[in-house]
C-alpha atoms as a PDB file:
ATOM      1  CA  MET A   1      -0.016  -0.088   0.007  1.00  0.00           C
ATOM      2  CA  TYR A   2       1.268   3.474  -0.858  1.00  0.00           C
ATOM      3  CA  ALA A   3       0.016   6.897  -1.179  1.00  0.00           C
ATOM      4  CA  ILE A   4       0.753  10.116  -3.099  1.00  0.00           C
ATOM      5  CA  VAL A   5       0.912  13.314  -0.937  1.00  0.00           C
ATOM      6  CA  GLU A   6       1.230  17.003  -1.751  1.00  0.00           C
ATOM      7  CA  THR A   7       3.521  19.097   0.294  1.00  0.00           C
ATOM      8  CA  GLY A   8       5.785  22.063  -0.412  1.00  0.00           C
ATOM      9  CA  GLY A   9       4.142  22.420  -3.859  1.00  0.00           C
ATOM     10  CA  LYS A  10       5.315  18.915  -4.980  1.00  0.00           C
ATOM     11  CA  GLN A  11       3.822  15.469  -4.951  1.00  0.00           C
ATOM     12  CA  TYR A  12       5.655  12.560  -3.408  1.00  0.00           C
ATOM     13  CA  GLN A  13       5.016   8.790  -3.324  1.00  0.00           C
ATOM     14  CA  VAL A  14       5.108   7.531   0.225  1.00  0.00           C
ATOM     15  CA  GLU A  15       5.097   4.076   1.846  1.00  0.00           C
ATOM     16  CA  GLU A  16       4.834   2.920   5.504  1.00  0.00           C
ATOM     17  CA  GLY A  17       8.311   2.379   6.940  1.00  0.00           C
ATOM     18  CA  ARG A  18      10.277   4.389   4.509  1.00  0.00           C
ATOM     19  CA  TYR A  19      11.611   7.863   4.807  1.00  0.00           C
ATOM     20  CA  LEU A  20      11.078  10.911   2.594  1.00  0.00           C
ATOM     21  CA  ASP A  21      13.085  13.993   1.871  1.00  0.00           C
ATOM     22  CA  ILE A  22      10.834  17.030   1.470  1.00  0.00           C
ATOM     23  CA  GLU A  23      11.128  20.787   1.550  1.00  0.00           C
ATOM     24  CA  LEU A  24      12.074  22.268   4.820  1.00  0.00           C
ATOM     25  CA  LEU A  25       9.340  22.132   7.530  1.00  0.00           C
ATOM     26  CA  ASP A  26       9.018  24.563  10.476  1.00  0.00           C
ATOM     27  CA  ALA A  27       8.842  21.825  13.100  1.00  0.00           C
ATOM     28  CA  GLU A  28      11.137  20.365  15.618  1.00  0.00           C
ATOM     29  CA  LYS A  29      13.152  17.120  15.363  1.00  0.00           C
ATOM     30  CA  ASP A  30      11.334  14.034  16.599  1.00  0.00           C
ATOM     31  CA  SER A  31       7.918  15.688  16.360  1.00  0.00           C
ATOM     32  CA  LYS A  32       4.946  14.217  14.578  1.00  0.00           C
ATOM     33  CA  VAL A  33       3.670  15.584  11.264  1.00  0.00           C
ATOM     34  CA  VAL A  34       0.387  14.818   9.432  1.00  0.00           C
ATOM     35  CA  PHE A  35      -0.050  15.269   5.639  1.00  0.00           C
ATOM     36  CA  ASP A  36      -3.735  15.906   4.942  1.00  0.00           C
ATOM     37  CA  LYS A  37      -3.406  16.694   1.168  1.00  0.00           C
ATOM     38  CA  VAL A  38      -3.477  12.914  -0.107  1.00  0.00           C
ATOM     39  CA  VAL A  39      -3.944  12.886  -3.912  1.00  0.00           C
ATOM     40  CA  MET A  40      -4.241   9.140  -4.196  1.00  0.00           C
ATOM     41  CA  VAL A  41      -4.152   5.861  -2.075  1.00  0.00           C
ATOM     42  CA  VAL A  42      -3.156   2.677  -3.789  1.00  0.00           C
ATOM     43  CA  ASN A  43      -4.200  -0.495  -2.094  1.00  0.00           C
ATOM     44  CA  GLY A  44      -5.061  -3.134  -4.620  1.00  0.00           C
ATOM     45  CA  LYS A  45      -8.832  -3.081  -5.636  1.00  0.00           C
ATOM     46  CA  LYS A  46      -9.486  -0.550  -2.786  1.00  0.00           C
ATOM     47  CA  SER A  47      -7.473   2.255  -4.539  1.00  0.00           C
ATOM     48  CA  LYS A  48      -8.943   5.789  -4.187  1.00  0.00           C
ATOM     49  CA  VAL A  49      -8.196   8.796  -6.423  1.00  0.00           C
ATOM     50  CA  GLY A  50      -9.071  12.208  -5.064  1.00  0.00           C
ATOM     51  CA  LYS A  51     -10.897  15.118  -6.649  1.00  0.00           C
ATOM     52  CA  PRO A  52      -8.404  16.878  -5.948  1.00  0.00           C
ATOM     53  CA  TYR A  53      -7.752  15.154  -2.533  1.00  0.00           C
ATOM     54  CA  VAL A  54      -9.051  11.907  -0.965  1.00  0.00           C
ATOM     55  CA  THR A  55     -11.486  12.862   1.656  1.00  0.00           C
ATOM     56  CA  GLY A  56     -10.626  11.443   5.089  1.00  0.00           C
ATOM     57  CA  ALA A  57      -7.207  10.123   4.152  1.00  0.00           C
ATOM     58  CA  SER A  58      -4.003  11.231   5.935  1.00  0.00           C
ATOM     59  CA  VAL A  59      -0.405  10.240   6.238  1.00  0.00           C
ATOM     60  CA  GLU A  60       1.436  10.368   9.487  1.00  0.00           C
ATOM     61  CA  GLY A  61       5.179  10.619  10.021  1.00  0.00           C
ATOM     62  CA  THR A  62       7.896  11.591  12.341  1.00  0.00           C
ATOM     63  CA  ILE A  63      10.698  14.138  11.594  1.00  0.00           C
ATOM     64  CA  LEU A  64      14.045  12.543  11.748  1.00  0.00           C
ATOM     65  CA  LYS A  65      16.400  15.395  10.829  1.00  0.00           C
ATOM     66  CA  HIS A  66      16.701  18.735   9.171  1.00  0.00           C
ATOM     67  CA  ASP A  67      19.750  18.923   6.724  1.00  0.00           C
ATOM     68  CA  LYS A  68      21.171  20.368   3.567  1.00  0.00           C
ATOM     69  CA  ALA A  69      21.500  18.449   0.152  1.00  0.00           C
ATOM     70  CA  LYS A  70      24.633  18.178  -1.847  1.00  0.00           C
ATOM     71  CA  LYS A  71      26.109  21.321  -3.266  1.00  0.00           C
ATOM     72  CA  ILE A  72      25.305  22.200  -6.801  1.00  0.00           C
ATOM     73  CA  ILE A  73      27.209  24.678  -8.785  1.00  0.00           C
ATOM     74  CA  VAL A  74      25.428  27.499 -10.657  1.00  0.00           C
ATOM     75  CA  PHE A  75      27.676  28.841 -13.402  1.00  0.00           C
ATOM     76  CA  LYS A  76      26.686  31.803 -15.584  1.00  0.00           C
ATOM     77  CA  GLN A  77      28.635  33.075 -18.555  1.00  0.00           C
ATOM     78  CA  ARG A  78      28.145  35.524 -21.431  1.00  0.00           C
ATOM     79  CA  PRO A  79      30.289  34.597 -24.426  1.00  0.00           C
ATOM     80  CA  LYS A  80      32.700  37.184 -25.741  1.00  0.00           C
ATOM     81  CA  LYS A  81      31.798  39.668 -22.945  1.00  0.00           C
ATOM     82  CA  GLY A  82      34.161  38.553 -20.193  1.00  0.00           C
ATOM     83  CA  TYR A  83      31.293  37.780 -17.745  1.00  0.00           C
ATOM     84  CA  ARG A  84      31.531  34.750 -15.615  1.00  0.00           C
ATOM     85  CA  LYS A  85      29.737  34.039 -12.292  1.00  0.00           C
ATOM     86  CA  LYS A  86      30.260  30.852 -10.181  1.00  0.00           C
ATOM     87  CA  GLN A  87      27.904  30.273  -7.315  1.00  0.00           C
ATOM     88  CA  GLY A  88      27.104  27.296  -5.095  1.00  0.00           C
ATOM     89  CA  HIS A  89      23.780  26.388  -3.478  1.00  0.00           C
ATOM     90  CA  ARG A  90      22.800  23.705  -0.981  1.00  0.00           C
ATOM     91  CA  GLN A  91      19.031  23.263  -0.579  1.00  0.00           C
ATOM     92  CA  GLN A  92      17.642  22.561   2.852  1.00  0.00           C
ATOM     93  CA  PHE A  93      15.336  19.615   3.440  1.00  0.00           C
ATOM     94  CA  THR A  94      13.512  17.753   6.117  1.00  0.00           C
ATOM     95  CA  ARG A  95      13.678  13.944   6.352  1.00  0.00           C
ATOM     96  CA  VAL A  96      10.394  12.371   7.475  1.00  0.00           C
ATOM     97  CA  MET A  97       9.872   8.700   8.454  1.00  0.00           C
ATOM     98  CA  ILE A  98       6.335   7.583   7.372  1.00  0.00           C
ATOM     99  CA  SER A  99       4.575   5.623  10.033  1.00  0.00           C
ATOM    100  CA  LYS A 100       0.970   5.271   9.010  1.00  0.00           C
ATOM    101  CA  ILE A 101      -1.190   5.762   5.785  1.00  0.00           C
ATOM    102  CA  ARG A 102      -4.898   6.114   7.031  1.00  0.00           C
ATOM    103  CA  THR A 103      -7.981   6.173   4.925  1.00  0.00           C
ATOM    104  CA  SER A 104     -11.441   7.120   6.170  1.00  0.00           C
ATOM    105  CA  ALA A 105     -12.356   3.481   6.893  1.00  0.00           C
ATOM    106  CA  GLN A 106      -9.327   2.916   8.925  1.00  0.00           C
ATOM    107  CA  LYS A 107     -10.011   6.093  10.905  1.00  0.00           C
ATOM    108  CA  LYS A 108     -13.616   4.940  11.702  1.00  0.00           C
ATOM    109  CA  SER A 109     -12.304   1.637  12.998  1.00  0.00           C
ATOM    110  CA  ALA A 110      -9.547   3.163  15.100  1.00  0.00           C
ATOM    111  CA  ASP A 111     -11.968   5.702  16.589  1.00  0.00           C
ATOM    112  CA  ALA A 112     -14.336   2.830  17.414  1.00  0.00           C
ATOM    113  CA  GLN A 113     -11.708   0.933  19.176  1.00  0.00           C
ATOM    114  CA  THR A 114     -10.522   3.875  21.280  1.00  0.00           C
ATOM    115  CA  SER A 115     -14.109   4.635  22.334  1.00  0.00           C
ATOM    116  CA  GLU A 116     -14.661   0.965  23.349  1.00  0.00           C
ATOM    117  CA  GLU A 117     -11.645   1.226  25.711  1.00  0.00           C
END
C-alpha cells in the first residue's frame, strides 16, 4: 500500500516504514507531522483517487532530521563579454519517516476501538 501526498508544492509517493526528503518544514526534530493533502491511495482493488484530494485520508510521520542536500554549482557566462559568475547552492530539506497511511475506513475503525476502551 502506498499513497501520493502533496507538500511544499510537490507530490511525493510514500510508503509505510520508508523515509522521505521534502522541503524544509518549520517543526522540531522527533515531532509528529500529518499530511492531509493525499492525492491518491493505492491498495489493490481498494484504490482511491481524489478530486483533488481523497477525503478522510491522511499520512502520519515523524521528523528524523533537518539537513542540507549536496552542493550544486550554478555557473553563468556571457560569451565574448568577459562575464563569468560561479555560485554554489545547498537546498535545505527535512527527512520524514512515514509511520501510517490512514483512509477514512481505517480512521472509523480506530476511533471505534478507542471509544470502546
